Amino acid sequence: MATVELRFSALPEHVRTARLVAAAVARRAGVDEAVLDEVRLAVGEACTRAVGLHQTGGISAPVKVLLIEEEKQFSIEVGDEAPHAVPGERANGAGPGDPDGEAEEDEMGLAVISGLVDDVEVSAGEHGGSIKMTWPTTPPPTILV
């Protein structure tokens, strides 16, 4: 199992770099070429969400992206350190802005990711959250000499 860890300041301009790195590592891991655009879009959406949560919450910690190559699958986990409210409760000390609008935007981002990736796990708690996305890989062709 090989893992690449990427950390970047919670700034929108770094999301593009995260997308490019994710696509390159996914290609090397054996993710089908036809799916690489979906990988890029899903990672961009997850990273944009994490950046927004960090900026809204005034969190200076970096956004963390793990690119995990395993046998027959490739996973990307995007983590944030923003406190997440339990569903049905409001977050204490929420930042300025419209909390309902922010929640709606967050749900829209998660819906886009779910539409792009078949295998998605979302976890959230008071110390942060993560989105783990997994794609199947195909082994490289065997060359007989």
C-alpha atoms as a PDB file:
ATOM      1  CA  MET A   1       0.000   0.000   0.000  1.00  0.00           C
ATOM      2  CA  ALA A   2       1.385   3.397  -0.998  1.00  0.00           C
ATOM      3  CA  THR A   3       0.150   6.690   0.444  1.00  0.00           C
ATOM      4  CA  VAL A   4       0.864  10.233  -0.660  1.00  0.00           C
ATOM      5  CA  GLU A   5       0.000  12.991   1.803  1.00  0.00           C
ATOM      6  CA  LEU A   6      -0.636  16.526   0.609  1.00  0.00           C
ATOM      7  CA  ARG A   7      -1.211  19.454   2.965  1.00  0.00           C
ATOM      8  CA  PHE A   8      -1.999  22.950   1.796  1.00  0.00           C
ATOM      9  CA  SER A   9      -3.017  26.293   3.255  1.00  0.00           C
ATOM     10  CA  ALA A  10      -6.777  26.783   3.165  1.00  0.00           C
ATOM     11  CA  LEU A  11      -6.686  29.075   0.146  1.00  0.00           C
ATOM     12  CA  PRO A  12      -8.792  28.585  -3.004  1.00  0.00           C
ATOM     13  CA  GLU A  13      -5.764  28.909  -5.297  1.00  0.00           C
ATOM     14  CA  HIS A  14      -4.313  25.669  -3.891  1.00  0.00           C
ATOM     15  CA  VAL A  15      -7.341  23.575  -4.859  1.00  0.00           C
ATOM     16  CA  ARG A  16      -6.175  23.390  -8.495  1.00  0.00           C
ATOM     17  CA  THR A  17      -2.825  21.957  -7.407  1.00  0.00           C
ATOM     18  CA  ALA A  18      -4.579  19.338  -5.262  1.00  0.00           C
ATOM     19  CA  ARG A  19      -6.723  18.318  -8.275  1.00  0.00           C
ATOM     20  CA  LEU A  20      -3.670  17.960 -10.523  1.00  0.00           C
ATOM     21  CA  VAL A  21      -1.729  15.919  -7.951  1.00  0.00           C
ATOM     22  CA  ALA A  22      -4.759  13.678  -7.306  1.00  0.00           C
ATOM     23  CA  ALA A  23      -5.248  12.993 -11.018  1.00  0.00           C
ATOM     24  CA  ALA A  24      -1.557  12.204 -11.539  1.00  0.00           C
ATOM     25  CA  VAL A  25      -1.423   9.787  -8.594  1.00  0.00           C
ATOM     26  CA  ALA A  26      -4.742   8.202  -9.623  1.00  0.00           C
ATOM     27  CA  ARG A  27      -3.406   7.606 -13.138  1.00  0.00           C
ATOM     28  CA  ARG A  28      -0.260   6.002 -11.748  1.00  0.00           C
ATOM     29  CA  ALA A  29      -2.353   3.841  -9.409  1.00  0.00           C
ATOM     30  CA  GLY A  30      -4.307   2.405 -12.338  1.00  0.00           C
ATOM     31  CA  VAL A  31      -7.581   4.332 -12.238  1.00  0.00           C
ATOM     32  CA  ASP A  32      -9.265   4.119 -15.653  1.00  0.00           C
ATOM     33  CA  GLU A  33      -8.465   7.107 -17.905  1.00  0.00           C
ATOM     34  CA  ALA A  34     -12.190   7.619 -18.543  1.00  0.00           C
ATOM     35  CA  VAL A  35     -12.720   8.280 -14.805  1.00  0.00           C
ATOM     36  CA  LEU A  36      -9.876  10.759 -14.255  1.00  0.00           C
ATOM     37  CA  ASP A  37     -12.071  13.794 -14.978  1.00  0.00           C
ATOM     38  CA  GLU A  38     -14.465  12.594 -12.268  1.00  0.00           C
ATOM     39  CA  VAL A  39     -11.518  12.207  -9.878  1.00  0.00           C
ATOM     40  CA  ARG A  40     -10.413  15.775 -10.614  1.00  0.00           C
ATOM     41  CA  LEU A  41     -13.909  17.199 -10.174  1.00  0.00           C
ATOM     42  CA  ALA A  42     -14.643  15.263  -6.974  1.00  0.00           C
ATOM     43  CA  VAL A  43     -11.314  16.210  -5.384  1.00  0.00           C
ATOM     44  CA  GLY A  44     -11.831  19.832  -6.401  1.00  0.00           C
ATOM     45  CA  GLU A  45     -15.282  19.846  -4.822  1.00  0.00           C
ATOM     46  CA  ALA A  46     -14.058  18.183  -1.595  1.00  0.00           C
ATOM     47  CA  CYS A  47     -11.049  20.509  -1.299  1.00  0.00           C
ATOM     48  CA  THR A  48     -13.145  23.606  -2.034  1.00  0.00           C
ATOM     49  CA  ARG A  49     -15.550  22.516   0.716  1.00  0.00           C
ATOM     50  CA  ALA A  50     -12.679  22.021   3.196  1.00  0.00           C
ATOM     51  CA  VAL A  51     -11.135  25.393   2.288  1.00  0.00           C
ATOM     52  CA  GLY A  52     -14.506  27.092   2.781  1.00  0.00           C
ATOM     53  CA  LEU A  53     -15.011  25.443   6.174  1.00  0.00           C
ATOM     54  CA  HIS A  54     -11.547  26.514   7.304  1.00  0.00           C
ATOM     55  CA  GLN A  55     -11.996  30.084   6.092  1.00  0.00           C
ATOM     56  CA  THR A  56     -15.469  30.433   7.596  1.00  0.00           C
ATOM     57  CA  GLY A  57     -14.286  29.020  10.915  1.00  0.00           C
ATOM     58  CA  GLY A  58     -11.076  31.056  11.001  1.00  0.00           C
ATOM     59  CA  ILE A  59      -8.996  27.868  11.116  1.00  0.00           C
ATOM     60  CA  SER A  60      -5.340  28.297  10.188  1.00  0.00           C
ATOM     61  CA  ALA A  61      -4.537  24.563  10.015  1.00  0.00           C
ATOM     62  CA  PRO A  62      -3.857  23.174   6.543  1.00  0.00           C
ATOM     63  CA  VAL A  63      -6.294  21.060   4.557  1.00  0.00           C
ATOM     64  CA  LYS A  64      -5.065  17.462   4.426  1.00  0.00           C
ATOM     65  CA  VAL A  65      -5.395  15.171   1.400  1.00  0.00           C
ATOM     66  CA  LEU A  66      -4.400  11.491   1.543  1.00  0.00           C
ATOM     67  CA  LEU A  67      -3.977   9.607  -1.746  1.00  0.00           C
ATOM     68  CA  ILE A  68      -4.031   5.903  -0.912  1.00  0.00           C
ATOM     69  CA  GLU A  69      -3.109   3.204  -3.417  1.00  0.00           C
ATOM     70  CA  GLU A  70      -4.253  -0.259  -2.357  1.00  0.00           C
ATOM     71  CA  GLU A  71      -4.693  -3.535  -4.146  1.00  0.00           C
ATOM     72  CA  LYS A  72      -7.553  -3.150  -6.636  1.00  0.00           C
ATOM     73  CA  GLN A  73      -8.598   0.304  -5.400  1.00  0.00           C
ATOM     74  CA  PHE A  74      -7.473   3.900  -5.057  1.00  0.00           C
ATOM     75  CA  SER A  75      -8.816   6.215  -2.346  1.00  0.00           C
ATOM     76  CA  ILE A  76      -8.601   9.915  -1.706  1.00  0.00           C
ATOM     77  CA  GLU A  77      -9.422  11.317   1.713  1.00  0.00           C
ATOM     78  CA  VAL A  78      -9.857  15.066   2.142  1.00  0.00           C
ATOM     79  CA  GLY A  79      -9.822  16.172   5.765  1.00  0.00           C
ATOM     80  CA  ASP A  80     -10.689  19.424   7.468  1.00  0.00           C
ATOM     81  CA  GLU A  81     -10.348  20.567  11.073  1.00  0.00           C
ATOM     82  CA  ALA A  82     -13.594  22.543  11.208  1.00  0.00           C
ATOM     83  CA  PRO A  83     -16.022  21.599  13.970  1.00  0.00           C
ATOM     84  CA  HIS A  84     -19.186  20.121  12.477  1.00  0.00           C
ATOM     85  CA  ALA A  85     -22.562  20.304  14.186  1.00  0.00           C
ATOM     86  CA  VAL A  86     -24.504  17.152  14.858  1.00  0.00           C
ATOM     87  CA  PRO A  87     -27.390  16.980  12.342  1.00  0.00           C
ATOM     88  CA  GLY A  88     -30.333  19.003  13.631  1.00  0.00           C
ATOM     89  CA  GLU A  89     -28.167  21.194  15.896  1.00  0.00           C
ATOM     90  CA  ARG A  90     -26.514  24.516  15.214  1.00  0.00           C
ATOM     91  CA  ALA A  91     -22.747  24.781  15.567  1.00  0.00           C
ATOM     92  CA  ASN A  92     -21.685  26.811  18.594  1.00  0.00           C
ATOM     93  CA  GLY A  93     -19.731  29.901  17.703  1.00  0.00           C
ATOM     94  CA  ALA A  94     -20.516  29.599  14.005  1.00  0.00           C
ATOM     95  CA  GLY A  95     -18.797  32.206  11.903  1.00  0.00           C
ATOM     96  CA  PRO A  96     -20.503  35.168  10.294  1.00  0.00           C
ATOM     97  CA  GLY A  97     -22.817  34.689   7.376  1.00  0.00           C
ATOM     98  CA  ASP A  98     -26.034  32.858   6.723  1.00  0.00           C
ATOM     99  CA  PRO A  99     -25.780  29.453   8.444  1.00  0.00           C
ATOM    100  CA  ASP A 100     -28.697  28.071   6.442  1.00  0.00           C
ATOM    101  CA  GLY A 101     -27.108  29.214   3.165  1.00  0.00           C
ATOM    102  CA  GLU A 102     -23.761  27.717   4.150  1.00  0.00           C
ATOM    103  CA  ALA A 103     -25.422  24.412   5.089  1.00  0.00           C
ATOM    104  CA  GLU A 104     -27.257  24.378   1.768  1.00  0.00           C
ATOM    105  CA  GLU A 105     -24.011  25.031  -0.134  1.00  0.00           C
ATOM    106  CA  ASP A 106     -22.304  22.261   1.863  1.00  0.00           C
ATOM    107  CA  GLU A 107     -25.095  19.810   1.026  1.00  0.00           C
ATOM    108  CA  MET A 108     -24.877  20.776  -2.654  1.00  0.00           C
ATOM    109  CA  GLY A 109     -21.122  20.069  -2.670  1.00  0.00           C
ATOM    110  CA  LEU A 110     -21.675  16.670  -1.059  1.00  0.00           C
ATOM    111  CA  ALA A 111     -24.421  15.896  -3.596  1.00  0.00           C
ATOM    112  CA  VAL A 112     -22.041  16.716  -6.473  1.00  0.00           C
ATOM    113  CA  ILE A 113     -19.381  14.437  -4.995  1.00  0.00           C
ATOM    114  CA  SER A 114     -21.913  11.625  -4.495  1.00  0.00           C
ATOM    115  CA  GLY A 115     -22.957  12.016  -8.130  1.00  0.00           C
ATOM    116  CA  LEU A 116     -19.360  11.694  -9.322  1.00  0.00           C
ATOM    117  CA  VAL A 117     -18.142   8.881  -7.056  1.00  0.00           C
ATOM    118  CA  ASP A 118     -19.906   5.586  -6.358  1.00  0.00           C
ATOM    119  CA  ASP A 119     -18.034   4.859  -3.116  1.00  0.00           C
ATOM    120  CA  VAL A 120     -18.077   7.882  -0.752  1.00  0.00           C
ATOM    121  CA  GLU A 121     -17.788   8.008   3.038  1.00  0.00           C
ATOM    122  CA  VAL A 122     -18.437  11.281   4.862  1.00  0.00           C
ATOM    123  CA  SER A 123     -17.580  11.651   8.521  1.00  0.00           C
ATOM    124  CA  ALA A 124     -17.858  14.735  10.691  1.00  0.00           C
ATOM    125  CA  GLY A 125     -17.507  15.618  14.321  1.00  0.00           C
ATOM    126  CA  GLU A 126     -16.575  18.395  16.674  1.00  0.00           C
ATOM    127  CA  HIS A 127     -12.852  18.099  15.765  1.00  0.00           C
ATOM    128  CA  GLY A 128     -13.209  18.031  11.995  1.00  0.00           C
ATOM    129  CA  GLY A 129     -14.435  15.907   9.172  1.00  0.00           C
ATOM    130  CA  SER A 130     -13.375  13.965   6.128  1.00  0.00           C
ATOM    131  CA  ILE A 131     -14.624  12.801   2.781  1.00  0.00           C
ATOM    132  CA  LYS A 132     -13.178   9.508   1.572  1.00  0.00           C
ATOM    133  CA  MET A 133     -13.705   8.628  -2.088  1.00  0.00           C
ATOM    134  CA  THR A 134     -12.703   5.285  -3.605  1.00  0.00           C
ATOM    135  CA  TRP A 135     -12.329   4.109  -7.202  1.00  0.00           C
ATOM    136  CA  PRO A 136     -11.443   0.671  -8.569  1.00  0.00           C
ATOM    137  CA  THR A 137      -8.107   0.203 -10.290  1.00  0.00           C
ATOM    138  CA  THR A 138      -7.013  -2.120 -13.030  1.00  0.00           C
ATOM    139  CA  PRO A 139      -3.660  -3.854 -12.787  1.00  0.00           C
ATOM    140  CA  PRO A 140      -1.128  -3.023 -15.502  1.00  0.00           C
ATOM    141  CA  PRO A 141      -1.125  -5.493 -18.391  1.00  0.00           C
ATOM    142  CA  THR A 142       1.195  -8.437 -18.080  1.00  0.00           C
ATOM    143  CA  ILE A 143       3.821  -8.472 -20.803  1.00  0.00           C
ATOM    144  CA  LEU A 144       5.050 -11.901 -21.730  1.00  0.00           C
ATOM    145  CA  VAL A 145       8.470 -12.150 -23.274  1.00  0.00           C
END
